[in-house]
C-alpha atoms as a PDB file:
ATOM      1  CA  UNK A   1      54.292 159.544  35.011  1.00  0.00           C
ATOM      2  CA  UNK A   2      50.880 158.218  35.968  1.00  0.00           C
ATOM      3  CA  UNK A   3      47.420 159.519  35.240  1.00  0.00           C
ATOM      4  CA  UNK A   4      44.482 157.753  36.836  1.00  0.00           C
ATOM      5  CA  UNK A   5      40.767 158.227  37.235  1.00  0.00           C
ATOM      6  CA  UNK A   6      41.083 157.505  40.954  1.00  0.00           C
ATOM      7  CA  UNK A   7      40.860 160.502  43.232  1.00  0.00           C
ATOM      8  CA  UNK A   8      44.292 161.541  44.507  1.00  0.00           C
ATOM      9  CA  UNK A   9      44.851 160.803  48.183  1.00  0.00           C
ATOM     10  CA  UNK A  10      45.644 163.901  50.251  1.00  0.00           C
ATOM     11  CA  UNK A  11      46.743 162.158  53.441  1.00  0.00           C
ATOM     12  CA  UNK A  12      47.835 158.734  54.688  1.00  0.00           C
ATOM     13  CA  UNK A  13      47.349 156.937  57.999  1.00  0.00           C
ATOM     14  CA  UNK A  14      50.172 154.759  59.229  1.00  0.00           C
ATOM     15  CA  UNK A  15      50.112 152.043  61.884  1.00  0.00           C
ATOM     16  CA  UNK A  16      46.388 151.395  62.266  1.00  0.00           C
ATOM     17  CA  UNK A  17      46.859 148.059  64.032  1.00  0.00           C
ATOM     18  CA  UNK A  18      46.607 148.141  67.835  1.00  0.00           C
ATOM     19  CA  UNK A  19      48.574 145.392  69.668  1.00  0.00           C
ATOM     20  CA  UNK A  20      47.297 144.192  73.042  1.00  0.00           C
ATOM     21  CA  UNK A  21      49.391 142.024  75.361  1.00  0.00           C
ATOM     22  CA  UNK A  22      47.765 139.335  77.570  1.00  0.00           C
ATOM     23  CA  UNK A  23      46.302 140.703  80.804  1.00  0.00           C
ATOM     24  CA  UNK A  24      48.438 138.543  83.199  1.00  0.00           C
ATOM     25  CA  UNK A  25      50.786 135.528  83.040  1.00  0.00           C
ATOM     26  CA  UNK A  26      50.548 132.144  84.806  1.00  0.00           C
ATOM     27  CA  UNK A  27      53.569 133.101  86.920  1.00  0.00           C
ATOM     28  CA  UNK A  28      51.450 135.752  88.653  1.00  0.00           C
ATOM     29  CA  UNK A  29      48.617 133.395  89.717  1.00  0.00           C
ATOM     30  CA  UNK A  30      48.114 132.344  93.395  1.00  0.00           C
ATOM     31  CA  UNK A  31      48.428 128.617  92.554  1.00  0.00           C
ATOM     32  CA  UNK A  32      52.129 129.019  91.785  1.00  0.00           C
ATOM     33  CA  UNK A  33      53.097 130.376  95.240  1.00  0.00           C
ATOM     34  CA  UNK A  34      55.865 128.242  96.895  1.00  0.00           C
ATOM     35  CA  UNK A  35      54.722 125.725  99.584  1.00  0.00           C
ATOM     36  CA  UNK A  36      54.677 127.132 103.100  1.00  0.00           C
ATOM     37  CA  UNK A  37      56.095 125.595 106.284  1.00  0.00           C
ATOM     38  CA  UNK A  38      53.859 123.748 108.824  1.00  0.00           C
ATOM     39  CA  UNK A  39      54.176 126.721 111.164  1.00  0.00           C
ATOM     40  CA  UNK A  40      52.931 129.044 108.439  1.00  0.00           C
ATOM     41  CA  UNK A  41      50.057 126.699 107.645  1.00  0.00           C
ATOM     42  CA  UNK A  42      48.951 126.589 111.251  1.00  0.00           C
ATOM     43  CA  UNK A  43      49.176 130.335 111.536  1.00  0.00           C
ATOM     44  CA  UNK A  44      47.090 130.648 108.415  1.00  0.00           C
ATOM     45  CA  UNK A  45      44.176 128.864 110.090  1.00  0.00           C
ATOM     46  CA  UNK A  46      44.033 131.525 112.774  1.00  0.00           C
ATOM     47  CA  UNK A  47      45.151 134.644 110.857  1.00  0.00           C
ATOM     48  CA  UNK A  48      44.205 135.402 107.263  1.00  0.00           C
ATOM     49  CA  UNK A  49      46.416 138.502 107.268  1.00  0.00           C
ATOM     50  CA  UNK A  50      49.499 136.377 107.969  1.00  0.00           C
ATOM     51  CA  UNK A  51      48.955 134.270 104.827  1.00  0.00           C
ATOM     52  CA  UNK A  52      47.853 136.946 102.289  1.00  0.00           C
ATOM     53  CA  UNK A  53      49.861 136.666  99.076  1.00  0.00           C
ATOM     54  CA  UNK A  54      50.258 139.745  96.876  1.00  0.00           C
ATOM     55  CA  UNK A  55      49.050 139.102  93.301  1.00  0.00           C
ATOM     56  CA  UNK A  56      50.430 141.195  90.437  1.00  0.00           C
ATOM     57  CA  UNK A  57      47.461 142.135  88.235  1.00  0.00           C
ATOM     58  CA  UNK A  58      49.268 144.742  86.152  1.00  0.00           C
ATOM     59  CA  UNK A  59      48.130 144.728  82.476  1.00  0.00           C
ATOM     60  CA  UNK A  60      50.790 145.581  79.946  1.00  0.00           C
ATOM     61  CA  UNK A  61      49.371 147.412  76.921  1.00  0.00           C
ATOM     62  CA  UNK A  62      51.398 148.338  73.864  1.00  0.00           C
ATOM     63  CA  UNK A  63      49.998 150.941  71.460  1.00  0.00           C
ATOM     64  CA  UNK A  64      51.175 152.368  68.165  1.00  0.00           C
ATOM     65  CA  UNK A  65      51.022 156.005  67.137  1.00  0.00           C
ATOM     66  CA  UNK A  66      48.640 156.962  64.327  1.00  0.00           C
ATOM     67  CA  UNK A  67      50.338 159.305  61.869  1.00  0.00           C
ATOM     68  CA  UNK A  68      47.820 161.688  60.329  1.00  0.00           C
ATOM     69  CA  UNK A  69      50.348 163.908  58.616  1.00  0.00           C
ATOM     70  CA  UNK A  70      49.006 165.221  55.318  1.00  0.00           C
ATOM     71  CA  UNK A  71      51.127 164.306  52.341  1.00  0.00           C
ATOM     72  CA  UNK A  72      51.287 166.833  49.529  1.00  0.00           C
ATOM     73  CA  UNK A  73      50.112 165.422  46.190  1.00  0.00           C
ATOM     74  CA  UNK A  74      52.027 166.514  43.121  1.00  0.00           C
ATOM     75  CA  UNK A  75      49.850 166.780  40.040  1.00  0.00           C
ATOM     76  CA  UNK A  76      51.339 166.654  36.566  1.00  0.00           C
ATOM     77  CA  UNK A  77      51.569 169.976  34.743  1.00  0.00           C
ATOM     78  CA  UNK A  78      51.368 170.268  30.952  1.00  0.00           C
ATOM     79  CA  UNK A  79      51.830 173.178  28.587  1.00  0.00           C
ATOM     80  CA  UNK A  80      49.478 173.877  25.700  1.00  0.00           C
ATOM     81  CA  UNK A  81      52.200 172.776  23.282  1.00  0.00           C
ATOM     82  CA  UNK A  82      52.495 169.434  25.069  1.00  0.00           C
ATOM     83  CA  UNK A  83      48.735 168.966  24.815  1.00  0.00           C
ATOM     84  CA  UNK A  84      48.904 169.848  21.121  1.00  0.00           C
ATOM     85  CA  UNK A  85      51.487 167.111  20.585  1.00  0.00           C
ATOM     86  CA  UNK A  86      49.208 164.617  22.362  1.00  0.00           C
ATOM     87  CA  UNK A  87      46.205 165.094  20.056  1.00  0.00           C
ATOM     88  CA  UNK A  88      45.211 162.064  17.970  1.00  0.00           C
ATOM     89  CA  UNK A  89      46.165 161.885  14.300  1.00  0.00           C
ATOM     90  CA  UNK A  90      44.453 160.263  11.333  1.00  0.00           C
ATOM     91  CA  UNK A  91      46.940 157.411  11.692  1.00  0.00           C
ATOM     92  CA  UNK A  92      45.549 156.736  15.179  1.00  0.00           C
ATOM     93  CA  UNK A  93      42.051 156.443  13.714  1.00  0.00           C
ATOM     94  CA  UNK A  94      42.888 154.082  10.881  1.00  0.00           C
ATOM     95  CA  UNK A  95      41.145 153.298   7.634  1.00  0.00           C
ATOM     96  CA  UNK A  96      38.097 155.361   6.711  1.00  0.00           C
ATOM     97  CA  UNK A  97      39.229 158.536   8.461  1.00  0.00           C
ATOM     98  CA  UNK A  98      40.679 161.668   6.857  1.00  0.00           C
ATOM     99  CA  UNK A  99      41.896 165.101   7.896  1.00  0.00           C
ATOM    100  CA  UNK A 100      39.342 167.895   7.547  1.00  0.00           C
ATOM    101  CA  UNK A 101      42.016 170.536   7.133  1.00  0.00           C
ATOM    102  CA  UNK A 102      41.063 172.290  10.355  1.00  0.00           C
ATOM    103  CA  UNK A 103      43.598 173.601  12.853  1.00  0.00           C
ATOM    104  CA  UNK A 104      43.742 173.096  16.630  1.00  0.00           C
ATOM    105  CA  UNK A 105      42.893 175.952  18.981  1.00  0.00           C
ATOM    106  CA  UNK A 106      45.252 176.629  21.885  1.00  0.00           C
ATOM    107  CA  UNK A 107      44.089 178.334  25.082  1.00  0.00           C
ATOM    108  CA  UNK A 108      40.884 179.864  23.678  1.00  0.00           C
ATOM    109  CA  UNK A 109      39.069 182.648  25.477  1.00  0.00           C
ATOM    110  CA  UNK A 110      35.792 181.777  27.131  1.00  0.00           C
ATOM    111  CA  UNK A 111      32.489 182.906  25.628  1.00  0.00           C
ATOM    112  CA  UNK A 112      28.800 182.330  26.137  1.00  0.00           C
ATOM    113  CA  UNK A 113      25.413 182.966  24.619  1.00  0.00           C
ATOM    114  CA  UNK A 114      23.020 181.497  22.033  1.00  0.00           C
ATOM    115  CA  UNK A 115      24.819 179.429  19.449  1.00  0.00           C
ATOM    116  CA  UNK A 116      28.090 179.736  21.369  1.00  0.00           C
ATOM    117  CA  UNK A 117      27.744 177.720  24.540  1.00  0.00           C
ATOM    118  CA  UNK A 118      25.515 174.709  25.021  1.00  0.00           C
ATOM    119  CA  UNK A 119      22.042 175.699  26.217  1.00  0.00           C
ATOM    120  CA  UNK A 120      23.082 179.340  25.537  1.00  0.00           C
ATOM    121  CA  UNK A 121      25.392 179.221  28.550  1.00  0.00           C
ATOM    122  CA  UNK A 122      29.200 179.326  28.814  1.00  0.00           C
ATOM    123  CA  UNK A 123      31.166 177.244  26.335  1.00  0.00           C
ATOM    124  CA  UNK A 124      33.730 174.614  27.294  1.00  0.00           C
ATOM    125  CA  UNK A 125      36.620 177.078  27.465  1.00  0.00           C
ATOM    126  CA  UNK A 126      34.661 179.409  29.743  1.00  0.00           C
ATOM    127  CA  UNK A 127      33.683 176.562  32.060  1.00  0.00           C
ATOM    128  CA  UNK A 128      37.278 175.329  32.172  1.00  0.00           C
ATOM    129  CA  UNK A 129      38.697 178.785  32.934  1.00  0.00           C
ATOM    130  CA  UNK A 130      36.114 179.252  35.677  1.00  0.00           C
ATOM    131  CA  UNK A 131      37.459 176.013  37.188  1.00  0.00           C
ATOM    132  CA  UNK A 132      41.065 177.245  36.987  1.00  0.00           C
ATOM    133  CA  UNK A 133      42.318 175.563  33.801  1.00  0.00           C
ATOM    134  CA  UNK A 134      46.020 176.139  33.141  1.00  0.00           C
ATOM    135  CA  UNK A 135      46.169 174.781  29.567  1.00  0.00           C
ATOM    136  CA  UNK A 136      43.541 173.988  26.914  1.00  0.00           C
ATOM    137  CA  UNK A 137      43.765 172.590  23.393  1.00  0.00           C
ATOM    138  CA  UNK A 138      40.735 171.976  21.166  1.00  0.00           C
ATOM    139  CA  UNK A 139      41.402 169.516  18.379  1.00  0.00           C
ATOM    140  CA  UNK A 140      39.960 169.970  14.867  1.00  0.00           C
ATOM    141  CA  UNK A 141      37.338 167.720  13.328  1.00  0.00           C
ATOM    142  CA  UNK A 142      38.446 164.581  11.534  1.00  0.00           C
ATOM    143  CA  UNK A 143      36.107 163.021   8.984  1.00  0.00           C
ATOM    144  CA  UNK A 144      35.141 159.390   9.294  1.00  0.00           C
ATOM    145  CA  UNK A 145      32.748 156.894   7.699  1.00  0.00           C
ATOM    146  CA  UNK A 146      29.308 158.287   6.778  1.00  0.00           C
ATOM    147  CA  UNK A 147      30.816 161.789   7.047  1.00  0.00           C
ATOM    148  CA  UNK A 148      30.824 161.581  10.831  1.00  0.00           C
ATOM    149  CA  UNK A 149      33.018 164.119  12.575  1.00  0.00           C
ATOM    150  CA  UNK A 150      35.308 163.183  15.436  1.00  0.00           C
ATOM    151  CA  UNK A 151      37.361 165.513  17.606  1.00  0.00           C
ATOM    152  CA  UNK A 152      39.371 165.440  20.835  1.00  0.00           C
ATOM    153  CA  UNK A 153      40.091 168.217  23.327  1.00  0.00           C
ATOM    154  CA  UNK A 154      42.324 168.247  26.407  1.00  0.00           C
ATOM    155  CA  UNK A 155      42.044 170.410  29.523  1.00  0.00           C
ATOM    156  CA  UNK A 156      44.579 170.620  32.361  1.00  0.00           C
ATOM    157  CA  UNK A 157      43.948 171.973  35.871  1.00  0.00           C
ATOM    158  CA  UNK A 158      46.172 172.619  38.897  1.00  0.00           C
ATOM    159  CA  UNK A 159      44.686 169.646  40.742  1.00  0.00           C
ATOM    160  CA  UNK A 160      41.914 167.075  40.708  1.00  0.00           C
ATOM    161  CA  UNK A 161      39.541 169.429  42.534  1.00  0.00           C
ATOM    162  CA  UNK A 162      39.618 171.914  39.671  1.00  0.00           C
ATOM    163  CA  UNK A 163      39.244 169.149  37.089  1.00  0.00           C
ATOM    164  CA  UNK A 164      36.243 167.677  38.910  1.00  0.00           C
ATOM    165  CA  UNK A 165      34.792 171.171  39.247  1.00  0.00           C
ATOM    166  CA  UNK A 166      34.936 171.461  35.455  1.00  0.00           C
ATOM    167  CA  UNK A 167      32.965 168.222  35.067  1.00  0.00           C
ATOM    168  CA  UNK A 168      30.439 169.272  37.686  1.00  0.00           C
ATOM    169  CA  UNK A 169      29.940 172.700  36.083  1.00  0.00           C
ATOM    170  CA  UNK A 170      29.577 171.028  32.693  1.00  0.00           C
ATOM    171  CA  UNK A 171      26.946 168.642  34.054  1.00  0.00           C
ATOM    172  CA  UNK A 172      25.075 171.594  35.537  1.00  0.00           C
ATOM    173  CA  UNK A 173      25.315 173.696  32.360  1.00  0.00           C
ATOM    174  CA  UNK A 174      24.436 171.049  29.766  1.00  0.00           C
ATOM    175  CA  UNK A 175      20.833 170.748  30.842  1.00  0.00           C
ATOM    176  CA  UNK A 176      18.100 172.182  28.620  1.00  0.00           C
ATOM    177  CA  UNK A 177      15.792 169.299  27.719  1.00  0.00           C
ATOM    178  CA  UNK A 178      12.965 171.753  26.952  1.00  0.00           C
ATOM    179  CA  UNK A 179      15.124 173.519  24.382  1.00  0.00           C
ATOM    180  CA  UNK A 180      16.422 177.036  23.769  1.00  0.00           C
ATOM    181  CA  UNK A 181      15.937 179.016  20.536  1.00  0.00           C
ATOM    182  CA  UNK A 182      17.631 181.894  18.718  1.00  0.00           C
ATOM    183  CA  UNK A 183      17.748 183.406  15.234  1.00  0.00           C
ATOM    184  CA  UNK A 184      20.466 184.207  12.702  1.00  0.00           C
ATOM    185  CA  UNK A 185      20.408 186.173   9.424  1.00  0.00           C
ATOM    186  CA  UNK A 186      21.500 184.186   6.370  1.00  0.00           C
ATOM    187  CA  UNK A 187      24.557 185.798   4.757  1.00  0.00           C
ATOM    188  CA  UNK A 188      26.791 184.251   2.113  1.00  0.00           C
ATOM    189  CA  UNK A 189      29.669 186.156   3.711  1.00  0.00           C
ATOM    190  CA  UNK A 190      28.802 186.546   7.419  1.00  0.00           C
ATOM    191  CA  UNK A 191      30.713 189.169   9.406  1.00  0.00           C
ATOM    192  CA  UNK A 192      28.431 190.043  12.327  1.00  0.00           C
ATOM    193  CA  UNK A 193      27.702 187.803  15.352  1.00  0.00           C
ATOM    194  CA  UNK A 194      24.043 187.468  14.327  1.00  0.00           C
ATOM    195  CA  UNK A 195      24.876 186.337  10.768  1.00  0.00           C
ATOM    196  CA  UNK A 196      25.200 182.757   9.565  1.00  0.00           C
ATOM    197  CA  UNK A 197      25.823 180.971   6.271  1.00  0.00           C
ATOM    198  CA  UNK A 198      24.030 177.668   6.028  1.00  0.00           C
ATOM    199  CA  UNK A 199      24.441 177.116   2.284  1.00  0.00           C
ATOM    200  CA  UNK A 200      27.077 176.490  -0.308  1.00  0.00           C
ATOM    201  CA  UNK A 201      27.469 178.610  -3.461  1.00  0.00           C
ATOM    202  CA  UNK A 202      24.416 179.078  -5.665  1.00  0.00           C
ATOM    203  CA  UNK A 203      21.751 179.831  -3.048  1.00  0.00           C
ATOM    204  CA  UNK A 204      22.437 183.542  -2.598  1.00  0.00           C
ATOM    205  CA  UNK A 205      19.584 184.807  -4.782  1.00  0.00           C
ATOM    206  CA  UNK A 206      16.778 183.234  -2.792  1.00  0.00           C
ATOM    207  CA  UNK A 207      18.204 182.872   0.707  1.00  0.00           C
ATOM    208  CA  UNK A 208      20.206 186.047   1.402  1.00  0.00           C
ATOM    209  CA  UNK A 209      18.853 187.965   4.420  1.00  0.00           C
ATOM    210  CA  UNK A 210      16.327 185.269   5.271  1.00  0.00           C
ATOM    211  CA  UNK A 211      16.104 184.115   8.892  1.00  0.00           C
ATOM    212  CA  UNK A 212      17.422 180.887  10.344  1.00  0.00           C
ATOM    213  CA  UNK A 213      15.664 179.612  13.472  1.00  0.00           C
ATOM    214  CA  UNK A 214      17.804 177.421  15.719  1.00  0.00           C
ATOM    215  CA  UNK A 215      16.477 175.124  18.438  1.00  0.00           C
ATOM    216  CA  UNK A 216      18.842 173.320  20.787  1.00  0.00           C
ATOM    217  CA  UNK A 217      18.206 170.610  23.360  1.00  0.00           C
ATOM    218  CA  UNK A 218      20.895 169.034  25.535  1.00  0.00           C
ATOM    219  CA  UNK A 219      21.365 166.814  28.564  1.00  0.00           C
ATOM    220  CA  UNK A 220      24.200 165.154  30.477  1.00  0.00           C
ATOM    221  CA  UNK A 221      24.697 162.327  32.951  1.00  0.00           C
ATOM    222  CA  UNK A 222      27.563 160.787  34.915  1.00  0.00           C
ATOM    223  CA  UNK A 223      28.664 157.249  34.186  1.00  0.00           C
ATOM    224  CA  UNK A 224      27.280 154.696  36.596  1.00  0.00           C
ATOM    225  CA  UNK A 225      29.266 154.371  39.795  1.00  0.00           C
ATOM    226  CA  UNK A 226      31.239 157.605  39.782  1.00  0.00           C
ATOM    227  CA  UNK A 227      31.637 161.236  38.785  1.00  0.00           C
ATOM    228  CA  UNK A 228      34.904 161.133  36.823  1.00  0.00           C
ATOM    229  CA  UNK A 229      33.212 160.209  33.520  1.00  0.00           C
ATOM    230  CA  UNK A 230      30.474 162.438  32.113  1.00  0.00           C
ATOM    231  CA  UNK A 231      28.366 161.861  28.994  1.00  0.00           C
ATOM    232  CA  UNK A 232      26.564 164.670  27.156  1.00  0.00           C
ATOM    233  CA  UNK A 233      24.199 164.815  24.182  1.00  0.00           C
ATOM    234  CA  UNK A 234      23.344 167.869  22.103  1.00  0.00           C
ATOM    235  CA  UNK A 235      20.732 168.210  19.335  1.00  0.00           C
ATOM    236  CA  UNK A 236      20.788 171.469  17.376  1.00  0.00           C
ATOM    237  CA  UNK A 237      18.104 171.855  14.673  1.00  0.00           C
ATOM    238  CA  UNK A 238      17.993 174.744  12.207  1.00  0.00           C
ATOM    239  CA  UNK A 239      15.329 175.840   9.741  1.00  0.00           C
ATOM    240  CA  UNK A 240      14.904 178.569   7.110  1.00  0.00           C
ATOM    241  CA  UNK A 241      12.075 179.149   4.639  1.00  0.00           C
ATOM    242  CA  UNK A 242      12.722 180.929   1.346  1.00  0.00           C
ATOM    243  CA  UNK A 243      10.814 180.839  -1.982  1.00  0.00           C
ATOM    244  CA  UNK A 244       8.254 178.564  -0.309  1.00  0.00           C
ATOM    245  CA  UNK A 245      10.956 175.996   0.405  1.00  0.00           C
ATOM    246  CA  UNK A 246      11.838 175.021   3.973  1.00  0.00           C
ATOM    247  CA  UNK A 247      15.448 174.059   4.460  1.00  0.00           C
ATOM    248  CA  UNK A 248      16.206 172.154   7.652  1.00  0.00           C
ATOM    249  CA  UNK A 249      18.603 169.740   9.295  1.00  0.00           C
ATOM    250  CA  UNK A 250      19.645 168.415  12.705  1.00  0.00           C
ATOM    251  CA  UNK A 251      23.195 168.347  14.056  1.00  0.00           C
ATOM    252  CA  UNK A 252      23.717 165.812  16.848  1.00  0.00           C
ATOM    253  CA  UNK A 253      26.831 165.820  19.002  1.00  0.00           C
ATOM    254  CA  UNK A 254      27.786 163.217  21.612  1.00  0.00           C
ATOM    255  CA  UNK A 255      30.569 163.950  24.100  1.00  0.00           C
ATOM    256  CA  UNK A 256      32.468 161.968  26.707  1.00  0.00           C
ATOM    257  CA  UNK A 257      34.440 163.743  29.460  1.00  0.00           C
ATOM    258  CA  UNK A 258      37.064 161.517  31.136  1.00  0.00           C
ATOM    259  CA  UNK A 259      38.939 162.851  34.161  1.00  0.00           C
ATOM    260  CA  UNK A 260      42.383 161.437  34.887  1.00  0.00           C
ATOM    261  CA  UNK A 261      43.526 163.185  38.073  1.00  0.00           C
ATOM    262  CA  UNK A 262      43.903 166.841  36.990  1.00  0.00           C
ATOM    263  CA  UNK A 263      43.567 166.157  33.246  1.00  0.00           C
ATOM    264  CA  UNK A 264      40.251 165.973  31.371  1.00  0.00           C
ATOM    265  CA  UNK A 265      40.087 164.390  27.910  1.00  0.00           C
ATOM    266  CA  UNK A 266      36.951 165.145  25.892  1.00  0.00           C
ATOM    267  CA  UNK A 267      36.077 162.959  22.914  1.00  0.00           C
ATOM    268  CA  UNK A 268      33.313 164.025  20.533  1.00  0.00           C
ATOM    269  CA  UNK A 269      31.440 162.398  17.674  1.00  0.00           C
ATOM    270  CA  UNK A 270      28.875 164.340  15.638  1.00  0.00           C
ATOM    271  CA  UNK A 271      26.821 164.114  12.465  1.00  0.00           C
ATOM    272  CA  UNK A 272      24.136 165.755  10.346  1.00  0.00           C
ATOM    273  CA  UNK A 273      20.806 164.085   9.614  1.00  0.00           C
ATOM    274  CA  UNK A 274      17.170 164.731   8.599  1.00  0.00           C
ATOM    275  CA  UNK A 275      18.285 167.136   5.849  1.00  0.00           C
ATOM    276  CA  UNK A 276      15.296 168.612   4.042  1.00  0.00           C
ATOM    277  CA  UNK A 277      14.720 171.067   1.170  1.00  0.00           C
ATOM    278  CA  UNK A 278      18.210 170.986  -0.325  1.00  0.00           C
ATOM    279  CA  UNK A 279      18.823 170.138  -3.967  1.00  0.00           C
ATOM    280  CA  UNK A 280      19.434 166.405  -4.159  1.00  0.00           C
ATOM    281  CA  UNK A 281      18.441 165.974  -0.505  1.00  0.00           C
ATOM    282  CA  UNK A 282      17.642 162.330  -1.158  1.00  0.00           C
ATOM    283  CA  UNK A 283      21.280 161.708  -2.058  1.00  0.00           C
ATOM    284  CA  UNK A 284      22.799 163.513   0.927  1.00  0.00           C
ATOM    285  CA  UNK A 285      24.556 161.426   3.569  1.00  0.00           C
ATOM    286  CA  UNK A 286      22.654 161.443   6.843  1.00  0.00           C
ATOM    287  CA  UNK A 287      24.472 160.275   9.947  1.00  0.00           C
ATOM    288  CA  UNK A 288      22.889 160.337  13.409  1.00  0.00           C
ATOM    289  CA  UNK A 289      25.606 159.312  15.917  1.00  0.00           C
ATOM    290  CA  UNK A 290      24.930 156.718  18.595  1.00  0.00           C
ATOM    291  CA  UNK A 291      26.624 156.029  21.953  1.00  0.00           C
ATOM    292  CA  UNK A 292      28.309 153.050  20.288  1.00  0.00           C
ATOM    293  CA  UNK A 293      29.849 155.386  17.701  1.00  0.00           C
ATOM    294  CA  UNK A 294      31.208 157.614  20.467  1.00  0.00           C
ATOM    295  CA  UNK A 295      32.616 154.629  22.343  1.00  0.00           C
ATOM    296  CA  UNK A 296      34.315 153.319  19.208  1.00  0.00           C
ATOM    297  CA  UNK A 297      35.968 156.683  18.559  1.00  0.00           C
ATOM    298  CA  UNK A 298      36.992 157.087  22.202  1.00  0.00           C
ATOM    299  CA  UNK A 299      38.586 153.646  22.269  1.00  0.00           C
ATOM    300  CA  UNK A 300      40.639 154.583  19.208  1.00  0.00           C
ATOM    301  CA  UNK A 301      42.000 157.930  20.351  1.00  0.00           C
ATOM    302  CA  UNK A 302      42.134 157.897  24.125  1.00  0.00           C
ATOM    303  CA  UNK A 303      44.947 155.321  24.516  1.00  0.00           C
ATOM    304  CA  UNK A 304      47.069 157.298  22.042  1.00  0.00           C
ATOM    305  CA  UNK A 305      46.485 160.571  23.907  1.00  0.00           C
ATOM    306  CA  UNK A 306      47.274 159.031  27.289  1.00  0.00           C
ATOM    307  CA  UNK A 307      50.449 157.432  25.962  1.00  0.00           C
ATOM    308  CA  UNK A 308      51.665 160.770  24.586  1.00  0.00           C
ATOM    309  CA  UNK A 309      50.932 162.394  27.933  1.00  0.00           C
ATOM    310  CA  UNK A 310      53.189 159.810  29.555  1.00  0.00           C
ATOM    311  CA  UNK A 311      50.552 157.771  31.360  1.00  0.00           C
ATOM    312  CA  UNK A 312      51.640 154.373  32.660  1.00  0.00           C
END
């Protein structure tokens, strides 16, 4: 079983070389005609027609047939359970990483809107389903050094066209450099879509029913030299003021989308930084992920995922 970033070939062309044979041989040249008798020589001086020699100028050309028959490409199909078994484990990540206790999500329904999809548009599942995804698994967060969060998701499509369509739609959707904003009501036990809990226990008295303001900015770009690797960056800042104290922080998420034929592997690294207003804010761990952090995580998990998917 082979997965590759190269675009699958839909047809082959056989026998492109054209062989040409020499136009004429030495045996067909006038200089090789047998000597004539004296009588013929004399007659030749008075009659050109009597001495005309037929010259064979036939050109033999050999050609080969070009076969343009389209060859059907068979793409590998995976079930959601097979994708689940391919997700990276803490053992794949090594020292410094731990399990967050989260659970994977299999074949989620698509959704969109503020706080749901990047730039308030469709989320990853919705974009994948629009592109014809046949199986999806979203891995849980795993906690690494400096409380960074790493996660891996896998999407499978019927063919490479659908998989590339998912990347292209993602590149189009993750594009709001000017930012989008929305609000949520602080609730210690949120139940409605417009409710959000941004605090741990002990803040209920002063923060309940106050308003969080979220601002999100995001952008994406293809890797140099191709369209089968896409990078995306998302900054989501939130702020709430209560009892004359402004609580705020920024969540940054970096993503890498790698397409291998009809399979897309998404690796993500994220962190929280610039935390303000919280009790003991000076002691909180702030981690702003960098492209190098994403690359390090991707290099750890991607080989393990590909091996479990049977790549060679």
